[in-house]
Amino acid sequence: MANLHGMNLKERMNTINGDSLGLHTFCEALNKRLKTMGTHNGVDYSGIGLKTYTIDEVLNIIYKNADIRSMTCREILNLMVAGNSDKNKYTEKEALNKIETLANFNNGIPS
């Protein structure tokens, strides 16, 4: 089981992306994840910059919400935790540490 307090958001997202712990800020790492996904939900994100979207915006895009400001980082990360339907069960840090890997991060994204 993941250590819910093992890494901060920046470190965990960089780890999920396969980068060194301090390479990008949390926001940059999320934008990198979206950029790496390329075409997602019919839109090509491969050309975006690492500071194109805010944390909430990029997570709403990844989670396929039509309104990119409809949920907060905490809410989306909680919904990405397998088997969790409580949008406030974990802090952002706890939820992302529970997600822990790219496979888990991608599995939390509705298809």
PDB file of N, CA and C in Angstrom:
ATOM      1  N   MET A   1       0.840  -1.187   0.000  1.00  0.00           N
ATOM      2  CA  MET A   1       0.000   0.000   0.000  1.00  0.00           C
ATOM      3  C   MET A   1       0.882   1.247   0.000  1.00  0.00           C
ATOM      4  N   ALA A   2       0.449   2.248  -0.681  1.00  0.00           N
ATOM      5  CA  ALA A   2       1.192   3.498  -0.795  1.00  0.00           C
ATOM      6  C   ALA A   2       1.280   4.212   0.548  1.00  0.00           C
ATOM      7  N   ASN A   3       2.419   4.858   0.753  1.00  0.00           N
ATOM      8  CA  ASN A   3       2.589   5.726   1.906  1.00  0.00           C
ATOM      9  C   ASN A   3       1.897   7.038   1.552  1.00  0.00           C
ATOM     10  N   LEU A   4       0.772   7.337   2.170  1.00  0.00           N
ATOM     11  CA  LEU A   4      -0.041   8.493   1.786  1.00  0.00           C
ATOM     12  C   LEU A   4       0.669   9.824   1.989  1.00  0.00           C
ATOM     13  N   HIS A   5       1.727   9.827   2.797  1.00  0.00           N
ATOM     14  CA  HIS A   5       2.467  11.060   3.039  1.00  0.00           C
ATOM     15  C   HIS A   5       3.905  10.958   2.538  1.00  0.00           C
ATOM     16  N   GLY A   6       4.186   9.964   1.710  1.00  0.00           N
ATOM     17  CA  GLY A   6       5.547   9.676   1.263  1.00  0.00           C
ATOM     18  C   GLY A   6       6.197  10.762   0.429  1.00  0.00           C
ATOM     19  N   MET A   7       5.478  11.358  -0.478  1.00  0.00           N
ATOM     20  CA  MET A   7       6.027  12.389  -1.359  1.00  0.00           C
ATOM     21  C   MET A   7       5.060  13.551  -1.427  1.00  0.00           C
ATOM     22  N   ASN A   8       5.604  14.741  -1.716  1.00  0.00           N
ATOM     23  CA  ASN A   8       4.709  15.870  -1.941  1.00  0.00           C
ATOM     24  C   ASN A   8       4.149  15.767  -3.365  1.00  0.00           C
ATOM     25  N   LEU A   9       3.223  16.636  -3.713  1.00  0.00           N
ATOM     26  CA  LEU A   9       2.558  16.573  -5.018  1.00  0.00           C
ATOM     27  C   LEU A   9       3.546  16.645  -6.176  1.00  0.00           C
ATOM     28  N   LYS A  10       4.478  17.557  -6.089  1.00  0.00           N
ATOM     29  CA  LYS A  10       5.487  17.732  -7.139  1.00  0.00           C
ATOM     30  C   LYS A  10       6.300  16.458  -7.321  1.00  0.00           C
ATOM     31  N   GLU A  11       6.778  15.902  -6.227  1.00  0.00           N
ATOM     32  CA  GLU A  11       7.603  14.701  -6.301  1.00  0.00           C
ATOM     33  C   GLU A  11       6.823  13.515  -6.868  1.00  0.00           C
ATOM     34  N   ARG A  12       5.594  13.315  -6.381  1.00  0.00           N
ATOM     35  CA  ARG A  12       4.809  12.166  -6.847  1.00  0.00           C
ATOM     36  C   ARG A  12       4.457  12.293  -8.317  1.00  0.00           C
ATOM     37  N   MET A  13       4.049  13.481  -8.779  1.00  0.00           N
ATOM     38  CA  MET A  13       3.674  13.627 -10.184  1.00  0.00           C
ATOM     39  C   MET A  13       4.888  13.469 -11.079  1.00  0.00           C
ATOM     40  N   ASN A  14       6.043  13.971 -10.649  1.00  0.00           N
ATOM     41  CA  ASN A  14       7.265  13.752 -11.427  1.00  0.00           C
ATOM     42  C   ASN A  14       7.592  12.273 -11.498  1.00  0.00           C
ATOM     43  N   THR A  15       7.408  11.556 -10.392  1.00  0.00           N
ATOM     44  CA  THR A  15       7.646  10.109 -10.365  1.00  0.00           C
ATOM     45  C   THR A  15       6.675   9.389 -11.290  1.00  0.00           C
ATOM     46  N   ILE A  16       5.410   9.768 -11.245  1.00  0.00           N
ATOM     47  CA  ILE A  16       4.410   9.167 -12.130  1.00  0.00           C
ATOM     48  C   ILE A  16       4.806   9.353 -13.587  1.00  0.00           C
ATOM     49  N   ASN A  17       5.372  10.522 -13.913  1.00  0.00           N
ATOM     50  CA  ASN A  17       5.807  10.801 -15.288  1.00  0.00           C
ATOM     51  C   ASN A  17       7.131  10.129 -15.637  1.00  0.00           C
ATOM     52  N   GLY A  18       7.809   9.551 -14.650  1.00  0.00           N
ATOM     53  CA  GLY A  18       9.099   8.921 -14.907  1.00  0.00           C
ATOM     54  C   GLY A  18      10.266   9.891 -14.857  1.00  0.00           C
ATOM     55  N   ASP A  19      10.056  11.054 -14.255  1.00  0.00           N
ATOM     56  CA  ASP A  19      11.095  12.079 -14.154  1.00  0.00           C
ATOM     57  C   ASP A  19      11.706  12.097 -12.758  1.00  0.00           C
ATOM     58  N   SER A  20      12.798  12.835 -12.608  1.00  0.00           N
ATOM     59  CA  SER A  20      13.390  12.985 -11.280  1.00  0.00           C
ATOM     60  C   SER A  20      12.459  13.804 -10.394  1.00  0.00           C
ATOM     61  N   LEU A  21      12.557  13.595  -9.096  1.00  0.00           N
ATOM     62  CA  LEU A  21      11.612  14.169  -8.129  1.00  0.00           C
ATOM     63  C   LEU A  21      11.392  15.669  -8.266  1.00  0.00           C
ATOM     64  N   GLY A  22      12.451  16.436  -8.527  1.00  0.00           N
ATOM     65  CA  GLY A  22      12.323  17.885  -8.533  1.00  0.00           C
ATOM     66  C   GLY A  22      12.344  18.531  -9.894  1.00  0.00           C
ATOM     67  N   LEU A  23      12.204  17.749 -10.963  1.00  0.00           N
ATOM     68  CA  LEU A  23      12.369  18.291 -12.315  1.00  0.00           C
ATOM     69  C   LEU A  23      11.353  19.377 -12.654  1.00  0.00           C
ATOM     70  N   HIS A  24      10.084  19.143 -12.384  1.00  0.00           N
ATOM     71  CA  HIS A  24       9.031  20.099 -12.729  1.00  0.00           C
ATOM     72  C   HIS A  24       8.206  20.451 -11.499  1.00  0.00           C
ATOM     73  N   THR A  25       7.564  21.613 -11.537  1.00  0.00           N
ATOM     74  CA  THR A  25       6.579  21.932 -10.505  1.00  0.00           C
ATOM     75  C   THR A  25       5.404  20.979 -10.701  1.00  0.00           C
ATOM     76  N   PHE A  26       4.510  20.927  -9.734  1.00  0.00           N
ATOM     77  CA  PHE A  26       3.335  20.064  -9.852  1.00  0.00           C
ATOM     78  C   PHE A  26       2.520  20.444 -11.089  1.00  0.00           C
ATOM     79  N   CYS A  27       2.299  21.724 -11.296  1.00  0.00           N
ATOM     80  CA  CYS A  27       1.531  22.203 -12.445  1.00  0.00           C
ATOM     81  C   CYS A  27       2.221  21.814 -13.759  1.00  0.00           C
ATOM     82  N   GLU A  28       3.527  22.022 -13.839  1.00  0.00           N
ATOM     83  CA  GLU A  28       4.272  21.664 -15.046  1.00  0.00           C
ATOM     84  C   GLU A  28       4.207  20.154 -15.303  1.00  0.00           C
ATOM     85  N   ALA A  29       4.332  19.362 -14.248  1.00  0.00           N
ATOM     86  CA  ALA A  29       4.281  17.904 -14.398  1.00  0.00           C
ATOM     87  C   ALA A  29       2.914  17.448 -14.896  1.00  0.00           C
ATOM     88  N   LEU A  30       1.848  18.084 -14.422  1.00  0.00           N
ATOM     89  CA  LEU A  30       0.511  17.747 -14.909  1.00  0.00           C
ATOM     90  C   LEU A  30       0.356  18.120 -16.383  1.00  0.00           C
ATOM     91  N   ASN A  31       0.839  19.313 -16.757  1.00  0.00           N
ATOM     92  CA  ASN A  31       0.790  19.722 -18.164  1.00  0.00           C
ATOM     93  C   ASN A  31       1.617  18.777 -19.025  1.00  0.00           C
ATOM     94  N   LYS A  32       2.758  18.307 -18.502  1.00  0.00           N
ATOM     95  CA  LYS A  32       3.585  17.353 -19.234  1.00  0.00           C
ATOM     96  C   LYS A  32       2.818  16.052 -19.455  1.00  0.00           C
ATOM     97  N   ARG A  33       2.089  15.587 -18.440  1.00  0.00           N
ATOM     98  CA  ARG A  33       1.289  14.357 -18.565  1.00  0.00           C
ATOM     99  C   ARG A  33       0.272  14.514 -19.684  1.00  0.00           C
ATOM    100  N   LEU A  34      -0.431  15.664 -19.712  1.00  0.00           N
ATOM    101  CA  LEU A  34      -1.417  15.922 -20.759  1.00  0.00           C
ATOM    102  C   LEU A  34      -0.744  15.997 -22.122  1.00  0.00           C
ATOM    103  N   LYS A  35       0.375  16.688 -22.201  1.00  0.00           N
ATOM    104  CA  LYS A  35       1.137  16.823 -23.450  1.00  0.00           C
ATOM    105  C   LYS A  35       1.553  15.454 -23.967  1.00  0.00           C
ATOM    106  N   THR A  36       2.018  14.599 -23.063  1.00  0.00           N
ATOM    107  CA  THR A  36       2.463  13.253 -23.417  1.00  0.00           C
ATOM    108  C   THR A  36       1.305  12.388 -23.897  1.00  0.00           C
ATOM    109  N   MET A  37       0.133  12.635 -23.367  1.00  0.00           N
ATOM    110  CA  MET A  37      -1.044  11.871 -23.787  1.00  0.00           C
ATOM    111  C   MET A  37      -1.374  12.144 -25.251  1.00  0.00           C
ATOM    112  N   GLY A  38      -0.928  13.294 -25.787  1.00  0.00           N
ATOM    113  CA  GLY A  38      -1.187  13.639 -27.179  1.00  0.00           C
ATOM    114  C   GLY A  38      -2.648  13.954 -27.390  1.00  0.00           C
ATOM    115  N   THR A  39      -3.303  13.198 -28.250  1.00  0.00           N
ATOM    116  CA  THR A  39      -4.722  13.415 -28.502  1.00  0.00           C
ATOM    117  C   THR A  39      -5.521  12.760 -27.390  1.00  0.00           C
ATOM    118  N   HIS A  40      -6.314  13.580 -26.745  1.00  0.00           N
ATOM    119  CA  HIS A  40      -7.113  13.125 -25.608  1.00  0.00           C
ATOM    120  C   HIS A  40      -8.498  13.714 -25.748  1.00  0.00           C
ATOM    121  N   ASN A  41      -9.500  12.863 -25.743  1.00  0.00           N
ATOM    122  CA  ASN A  41     -10.886  13.302 -25.878  1.00  0.00           C
ATOM    123  C   ASN A  41     -11.095  14.128 -27.159  1.00  0.00           C
ATOM    124  N   GLY A  42     -10.404  13.721 -28.219  1.00  0.00           N
ATOM    125  CA  GLY A  42     -10.568  14.355 -29.522  1.00  0.00           C
ATOM    126  C   GLY A  42      -9.774  15.641 -29.736  1.00  0.00           C
ATOM    127  N   VAL A  43      -8.949  16.033 -28.774  1.00  0.00           N
ATOM    128  CA  VAL A  43      -8.156  17.259 -28.896  1.00  0.00           C
ATOM    129  C   VAL A  43      -6.678  16.883 -28.818  1.00  0.00           C
ATOM    130  N   ASP A  44      -5.861  17.473 -29.701  1.00  0.00           N
ATOM    131  CA  ASP A  44      -4.422  17.212 -29.689  1.00  0.00           C
ATOM    132  C   ASP A  44      -3.734  18.176 -28.726  1.00  0.00           C
ATOM    133  N   TYR A  45      -3.216  17.648 -27.640  1.00  0.00           N
ATOM    134  CA  TYR A  45      -2.526  18.457 -26.640  1.00  0.00           C
ATOM    135  C   TYR A  45      -1.002  18.348 -26.745  1.00  0.00           C
ATOM    136  N   SER A  46      -0.500  17.673 -27.758  1.00  0.00           N
ATOM    137  CA  SER A  46       0.940  17.425 -27.858  1.00  0.00           C
ATOM    138  C   SER A  46       1.767  18.701 -27.998  1.00  0.00           C
ATOM    139  N   GLY A  47       1.163  19.784 -28.427  1.00  0.00           N
ATOM    140  CA  GLY A  47       1.900  21.027 -28.624  1.00  0.00           C
ATOM    141  C   GLY A  47       1.805  22.028 -27.483  1.00  0.00           C
ATOM    142  N   ILE A  48       1.167  21.656 -26.384  1.00  0.00           N
ATOM    143  CA  ILE A  48       1.011  22.615 -25.278  1.00  0.00           C
ATOM    144  C   ILE A  48       2.326  22.816 -24.536  1.00  0.00           C
ATOM    145  N   GLY A  49       2.404  23.929 -23.844  1.00  0.00           N
ATOM    146  CA  GLY A  49       3.560  24.204 -23.002  1.00  0.00           C
ATOM    147  C   GLY A  49       3.343  23.656 -21.605  1.00  0.00           C
ATOM    148  N   LEU A  50       4.395  23.658 -20.820  1.00  0.00           N
ATOM    149  CA  LEU A  50       4.307  23.104 -19.471  1.00  0.00           C
ATOM    150  C   LEU A  50       3.574  24.031 -18.504  1.00  0.00           C
ATOM    151  N   LYS A  51       3.219  25.226 -18.955  1.00  0.00           N
ATOM    152  CA  LYS A  51       2.485  26.160 -18.099  1.00  0.00           C
ATOM    153  C   LYS A  51       1.182  26.614 -18.751  1.00  0.00           C
ATOM    154  N   THR A  52       0.685  25.843 -19.695  1.00  0.00           N
ATOM    155  CA  THR A  52      -0.510  26.227 -20.447  1.00  0.00           C
ATOM    156  C   THR A  52      -1.760  26.254 -19.575  1.00  0.00           C
ATOM    157  N   TYR A  53      -1.964  25.227 -18.772  1.00  0.00           N
ATOM    158  CA  TYR A  53      -3.179  25.111 -17.962  1.00  0.00           C
ATOM    159  C   TYR A  53      -2.852  25.153 -16.477  1.00  0.00           C
ATOM    160  N   THR A  54      -3.824  25.621 -15.690  1.00  0.00           N
ATOM    161  CA  THR A  54      -3.669  25.580 -14.236  1.00  0.00           C
ATOM    162  C   THR A  54      -3.839  24.132 -13.776  1.00  0.00           C
ATOM    163  N   ILE A  55      -3.536  23.871 -12.538  1.00  0.00           N
ATOM    164  CA  ILE A  55      -3.671  22.527 -11.970  1.00  0.00           C
ATOM    165  C   ILE A  55      -5.097  22.014 -12.125  1.00  0.00           C
ATOM    166  N   ASP A  56      -6.076  22.812 -11.706  1.00  0.00           N
ATOM    167  CA  ASP A  56      -7.472  22.383 -11.807  1.00  0.00           C
ATOM    168  C   ASP A  56      -7.886  22.162 -13.257  1.00  0.00           C
ATOM    169  N   GLU A  57      -7.475  23.065 -14.151  1.00  0.00           N
ATOM    170  CA  GLU A  57      -7.848  22.944 -15.558  1.00  0.00           C
ATOM    171  C   GLU A  57      -7.295  21.667 -16.180  1.00  0.00           C
ATOM    172  N   VAL A  58      -6.004  21.400 -15.979  1.00  0.00           N
ATOM    173  CA  VAL A  58      -5.407  20.221 -16.605  1.00  0.00           C
ATOM    174  C   VAL A  58      -6.017  18.935 -16.050  1.00  0.00           C
ATOM    175  N   LEU A  59      -6.291  18.893 -14.761  1.00  0.00           N
ATOM    176  CA  LEU A  59      -6.911  17.690 -14.199  1.00  0.00           C
ATOM    177  C   LEU A  59      -8.339  17.498 -14.716  1.00  0.00           C
ATOM    178  N   ASN A  60      -9.093  18.580 -14.887  1.00  0.00           N
ATOM    179  CA  ASN A  60     -10.435  18.468 -15.467  1.00  0.00           C
ATOM    180  C   ASN A  60     -10.365  17.989 -16.906  1.00  0.00           C
ATOM    181  N   ILE A  61      -9.371  18.427 -17.657  1.00  0.00           N
ATOM    182  CA  ILE A  61      -9.194  17.962 -19.039  1.00  0.00           C
ATOM    183  C   ILE A  61      -8.854  16.476 -19.042  1.00  0.00           C
ATOM    184  N   ILE A  62      -7.891  16.083 -18.221  1.00  0.00           N
ATOM    185  CA  ILE A  62      -7.489  14.678 -18.160  1.00  0.00           C
ATOM    186  C   ILE A  62      -8.661  13.807 -17.729  1.00  0.00           C
ATOM    187  N   TYR A  63      -9.452  14.296 -16.790  1.00  0.00           N
ATOM    188  CA  TYR A  63     -10.593  13.534 -16.289  1.00  0.00           C
ATOM    189  C   TYR A  63     -11.807  13.605 -17.227  1.00  0.00           C
ATOM    190  N   LYS A  64     -11.666  14.340 -18.322  1.00  0.00           N
ATOM    191  CA  LYS A  64     -12.683  14.467 -19.370  1.00  0.00           C
ATOM    192  C   LYS A  64     -13.934  15.209 -18.921  1.00  0.00           C
ATOM    193  N   ASN A  65     -13.764  16.198 -18.068  1.00  0.00           N
ATOM    194  CA  ASN A  65     -14.886  17.056 -17.691  1.00  0.00           C
ATOM    195  C   ASN A  65     -15.058  18.124 -18.764  1.00  0.00           C
ATOM    196  N   ALA A  66     -16.272  18.348 -19.209  1.00  0.00           N
ATOM    197  CA  ALA A  66     -16.541  19.339 -20.248  1.00  0.00           C
ATOM    198  C   ALA A  66     -16.176  20.744 -19.782  1.00  0.00           C
ATOM    199  N   ASP A  67     -16.437  21.060 -18.527  1.00  0.00           N
ATOM    200  CA  ASP A  67     -16.098  22.361 -17.946  1.00  0.00           C
ATOM    201  C   ASP A  67     -14.775  22.201 -17.219  1.00  0.00           C
ATOM    202  N   ILE A  68     -13.720  22.824 -17.742  1.00  0.00           N
ATOM    203  CA  ILE A  68     -12.379  22.608 -17.169  1.00  0.00           C
ATOM    204  C   ILE A  68     -12.188  23.287 -15.812  1.00  0.00           C
ATOM    205  N   ARG A  69     -13.223  23.903 -15.306  1.00  0.00           N
ATOM    206  CA  ARG A  69     -13.174  24.490 -13.967  1.00  0.00           C
ATOM    207  C   ARG A  69     -14.248  23.894 -13.053  1.00  0.00           C
ATOM    208  N   SER A  70     -14.793  22.742 -13.444  1.00  0.00           N
ATOM    209  CA  SER A  70     -15.933  22.180 -12.719  1.00  0.00           C
ATOM    210  C   SER A  70     -15.568  21.502 -11.406  1.00  0.00           C
ATOM    211  N   MET A  71     -14.354  20.968 -11.288  1.00  0.00           N
ATOM    212  CA  MET A  71     -13.940  20.310 -10.048  1.00  0.00           C
ATOM    213  C   MET A  71     -12.558  20.791  -9.649  1.00  0.00           C
ATOM    214  N   THR A  72     -12.283  20.657  -8.379  1.00  0.00           N
ATOM    215  CA  THR A  72     -10.964  21.052  -7.867  1.00  0.00           C
ATOM    216  C   THR A  72      -9.982  19.890  -8.002  1.00  0.00           C
ATOM    217  N   CYS A  73      -8.740  20.211  -7.832  1.00  0.00           N
ATOM    218  CA  CYS A  73      -7.678  19.214  -7.834  1.00  0.00           C
ATOM    219  C   CYS A  73      -7.996  18.098  -6.844  1.00  0.00           C
ATOM    220  N   ARG A  74      -8.371  18.471  -5.638  1.00  0.00           N
ATOM    221  CA  ARG A  74      -8.667  17.483  -4.597  1.00  0.00           C
ATOM    222  C   ARG A  74      -9.798  16.545  -5.020  1.00  0.00           C
ATOM    223  N   GLU A  75     -10.857  17.102  -5.583  1.00  0.00           N
ATOM    224  CA  GLU A  75     -11.995  16.299  -5.993  1.00  0.00           C
ATOM    225  C   GLU A  75     -11.617  15.288  -7.078  1.00  0.00           C
ATOM    226  N   ILE A  76     -10.906  15.754  -8.089  1.00  0.00           N
ATOM    227  CA  ILE A  76     -10.538  14.863  -9.191  1.00  0.00           C
ATOM    228  C   ILE A  76      -9.564  13.787  -8.732  1.00  0.00           C
ATOM    229  N   LEU A  77      -8.538  14.178  -7.977  1.00  0.00           N
ATOM    230  CA  LEU A  77      -7.575  13.173  -7.513  1.00  0.00           C
ATOM    231  C   LEU A  77      -8.257  12.120  -6.655  1.00  0.00           C
ATOM    232  N   ASN A  78      -9.210  12.538  -5.838  1.00  0.00           N
ATOM    233  CA  ASN A  78      -9.958  11.567  -5.035  1.00  0.00           C
ATOM    234  C   ASN A  78     -10.753  10.617  -5.924  1.00  0.00           C
ATOM    235  N   LEU A  79     -11.360  11.125  -6.987  1.00  0.00           N
ATOM    236  CA  LEU A  79     -12.120  10.261  -7.892  1.00  0.00           C
ATOM    237  C   LEU A  79     -11.211   9.331  -8.684  1.00  0.00           C
ATOM    238  N   MET A  80      -9.936   9.704  -8.852  1.00  0.00           N
ATOM    239  CA  MET A  80      -8.977   8.858  -9.561  1.00  0.00           C
ATOM    240  C   MET A  80      -8.457   7.713  -8.688  1.00  0.00           C
ATOM    241  N   VAL A  81      -8.664   7.806  -7.381  1.00  0.00           N
ATOM    242  CA  VAL A  81      -8.251   6.721  -6.493  1.00  0.00           C
ATOM    243  C   VAL A  81      -9.218   5.556  -6.703  1.00  0.00           C
ATOM    244  N   ALA A  82      -8.680   4.416  -7.070  1.00  0.00           N
ATOM    245  CA  ALA A  82      -9.519   3.247  -7.359  1.00  0.00           C
ATOM    246  C   ALA A  82     -10.450   2.929  -6.198  1.00  0.00           C
ATOM    247  N   GLY A  83     -11.702   2.757  -6.524  1.00  0.00           N
ATOM    248  CA  GLY A  83     -12.690   2.374  -5.528  1.00  0.00           C
ATOM    249  C   GLY A  83     -13.162   3.494  -4.620  1.00  0.00           C
ATOM    250  N   ASN A  84     -12.761   4.717  -4.884  1.00  0.00           N
ATOM    251  CA  ASN A  84     -13.159   5.836  -4.034  1.00  0.00           C
ATOM    252  C   ASN A  84     -14.183   6.705  -4.760  1.00  0.00           C
ATOM    253  N   SER A  85     -15.290   6.972  -4.132  1.00  0.00           N
ATOM    254  CA  SER A  85     -16.291   7.859  -4.726  1.00  0.00           C
ATOM    255  C   SER A  85     -16.490   9.118  -3.884  1.00  0.00           C
ATOM    256  N   ASP A  86     -15.749   9.230  -2.782  1.00  0.00           N
ATOM    257  CA  ASP A  86     -15.837  10.401  -1.904  1.00  0.00           C
ATOM    258  C   ASP A  86     -14.816  11.431  -2.375  1.00  0.00           C
ATOM    259  N   LYS A  87     -15.294  12.548  -2.934  1.00  0.00           N
ATOM    260  CA  LYS A  87     -14.404  13.563  -3.503  1.00  0.00           C
ATOM    261  C   LYS A  87     -13.555  14.285  -2.463  1.00  0.00           C
ATOM    262  N   ASN A  88     -13.808  14.063  -1.183  1.00  0.00           N
ATOM    263  CA  ASN A  88     -13.054  14.754  -0.139  1.00  0.00           C
ATOM    264  C   ASN A  88     -12.416  13.807   0.866  1.00  0.00           C
ATOM    265  N   LYS A  89     -12.341  12.530   0.553  1.00  0.00           N
ATOM    266  CA  LYS A  89     -11.813  11.540   1.491  1.00  0.00           C
ATOM    267  C   LYS A  89     -10.345  11.802   1.847  1.00  0.00           C
ATOM    268  N   TYR A  90      -9.540  12.106   0.842  1.00  0.00           N
ATOM    269  CA  TYR A  90      -8.112  12.325   1.031  1.00  0.00           C
ATOM    270  C   TYR A  90      -7.745  13.771   0.693  1.00  0.00           C
ATOM    271  N   THR A  91      -6.631  14.237   1.251  1.00  0.00           N
ATOM    272  CA  THR A  91      -6.071  15.498   0.782  1.00  0.00           C
ATOM    273  C   THR A  91      -5.497  15.241  -0.609  1.00  0.00           C
ATOM    274  N   GLU A  92      -5.125  16.288  -1.312  1.00  0.00           N
ATOM    275  CA  GLU A  92      -4.520  16.118  -2.634  1.00  0.00           C
ATOM    276  C   GLU A  92      -3.286  15.227  -2.540  1.00  0.00           C
ATOM    277  N   LYS A  93      -2.446  15.495  -1.558  1.00  0.00           N
ATOM    278  CA  LYS A  93      -1.206  14.741  -1.366  1.00  0.00           C
ATOM    279  C   LYS A  93      -1.496  13.267  -1.104  1.00  0.00           C
ATOM    280  N   GLU A  94      -2.440  13.005  -0.219  1.00  0.00           N
ATOM    281  CA  GLU A  94      -2.785  11.621   0.103  1.00  0.00           C
ATOM    282  C   GLU A  94      -3.341  10.892  -1.120  1.00  0.00           C
ATOM    283  N   ALA A  95      -4.227  11.543  -1.862  1.00  0.00           N
ATOM    284  CA  ALA A  95      -4.838  10.918  -3.038  1.00  0.00           C
ATOM    285  C   ALA A  95      -3.795  10.602  -4.098  1.00  0.00           C
ATOM    286  N   LEU A  96      -2.918  11.553  -4.390  1.00  0.00           N
ATOM    287  CA  LEU A  96      -1.914  11.325  -5.425  1.00  0.00           C
ATOM    288  C   LEU A  96      -0.916  10.261  -4.983  1.00  0.00           C
ATOM    289  N   ASN A  97      -0.563  10.235  -3.706  1.00  0.00           N
ATOM    290  CA  ASN A  97       0.315   9.179  -3.225  1.00  0.00           C
ATOM    291  C   ASN A  97      -0.377   7.826  -3.269  1.00  0.00           C
ATOM    292  N   LYS A  98      -1.681   7.801  -3.100  1.00  0.00           N
ATOM    293  CA  LYS A  98      -2.431   6.550  -3.209  1.00  0.00           C
ATOM    294  C   LYS A  98      -2.483   6.101  -4.670  1.00  0.00           C
ATOM    295  N   ILE A  99      -2.584   7.040  -5.589  1.00  0.00           N
ATOM    296  CA  ILE A  99      -2.566   6.714  -7.021  1.00  0.00           C
ATOM    297  C   ILE A  99      -1.201   6.138  -7.392  1.00  0.00           C
ATOM    298  N   GLU A 100      -0.148   6.768  -6.983  1.00  0.00           N
ATOM    299  CA  GLU A 100       1.225   6.258  -6.960  1.00  0.00           C
ATOM    300  C   GLU A 100       1.931   6.017  -8.296  1.00  0.00           C
ATOM    301  N   THR A 101       1.292   5.447  -9.293  1.00  0.00           N
ATOM    302  CA  THR A 101       1.985   5.117 -10.533  1.00  0.00           C
ATOM    303  C   THR A 101       1.211   5.633 -11.741  1.00  0.00           C
ATOM    304  N   LEU A 102       1.897   5.693 -12.879  1.00  0.00           N
ATOM    305  CA  LEU A 102       1.250   6.129 -14.120  1.00  0.00           C
ATOM    306  C   LEU A 102       0.076   5.225 -14.466  1.00  0.00           C
ATOM    307  N   ALA A 103       0.253   3.919 -14.305  1.00  0.00           N
ATOM    308  CA  ALA A 103      -0.843   2.990 -14.614  1.00  0.00           C
ATOM    309  C   ALA A 103      -2.053   3.305 -13.735  1.00  0.00           C
ATOM    310  N   ASN A 104      -1.820   3.557 -12.460  1.00  0.00           N
ATOM    311  CA  ASN A 104      -2.926   3.879 -11.559  1.00  0.00           C
ATOM    312  C   ASN A 104      -3.537   5.238 -11.931  1.00  0.00           C
ATOM    313  N   PHE A 105      -2.682   6.200 -12.302  1.00  0.00           N
ATOM    314  CA  PHE A 105      -3.153   7.534 -12.698  1.00  0.00           C
ATOM    315  C   PHE A 105      -4.037   7.404 -13.936  1.00  0.00           C
ATOM    316  N   ASN A 106      -3.578   6.664 -14.933  1.00  0.00           N
ATOM    317  CA  ASN A 106      -4.341   6.494 -16.166  1.00  0.00           C
ATOM    318  C   ASN A 106      -5.620   5.695 -15.939  1.00  0.00           C
ATOM    319  N   ASN A 107      -5.587   4.718 -15.034  1.00  0.00           N
ATOM    320  CA  ASN A 107      -6.782   3.926 -14.748  1.00  0.00           C
ATOM    321  C   ASN A 107      -7.860   4.758 -14.070  1.00  0.00           C
ATOM    322  N   GLY A 108      -7.479   5.859 -13.441  1.00  0.00           N
ATOM    323  CA  GLY A 108      -8.461   6.722 -12.800  1.00  0.00           C
ATOM    324  C   GLY A 108      -9.155   7.660 -13.751  1.00  0.00           C
ATOM    325  N   ILE A 109      -8.741   7.663 -14.995  1.00  0.00           N
ATOM    326  CA  ILE A 109      -9.316   8.553 -15.982  1.00  0.00           C
ATOM    327  C   ILE A 109     -10.466   7.834 -16.684  1.00  0.00           C
ATOM    328  N   PRO A 110     -11.662   8.373 -16.623  1.00  0.00           N
ATOM    329  CA  PRO A 110     -12.781   7.690 -17.276  1.00  0.00           C
ATOM    330  C   PRO A 110     -12.577   7.596 -18.779  1.00  0.00           C
ATOM    331  N   SER A 111     -12.981   6.485 -19.363  1.00  0.00           N
ATOM    332  CA  SER A 111     -12.788   6.316 -20.814  1.00  0.00           C
ATOM    333  C   SER A 111     -14.004   6.757 -21.592  1.00  0.00           C
TER     334      SER A 111
END
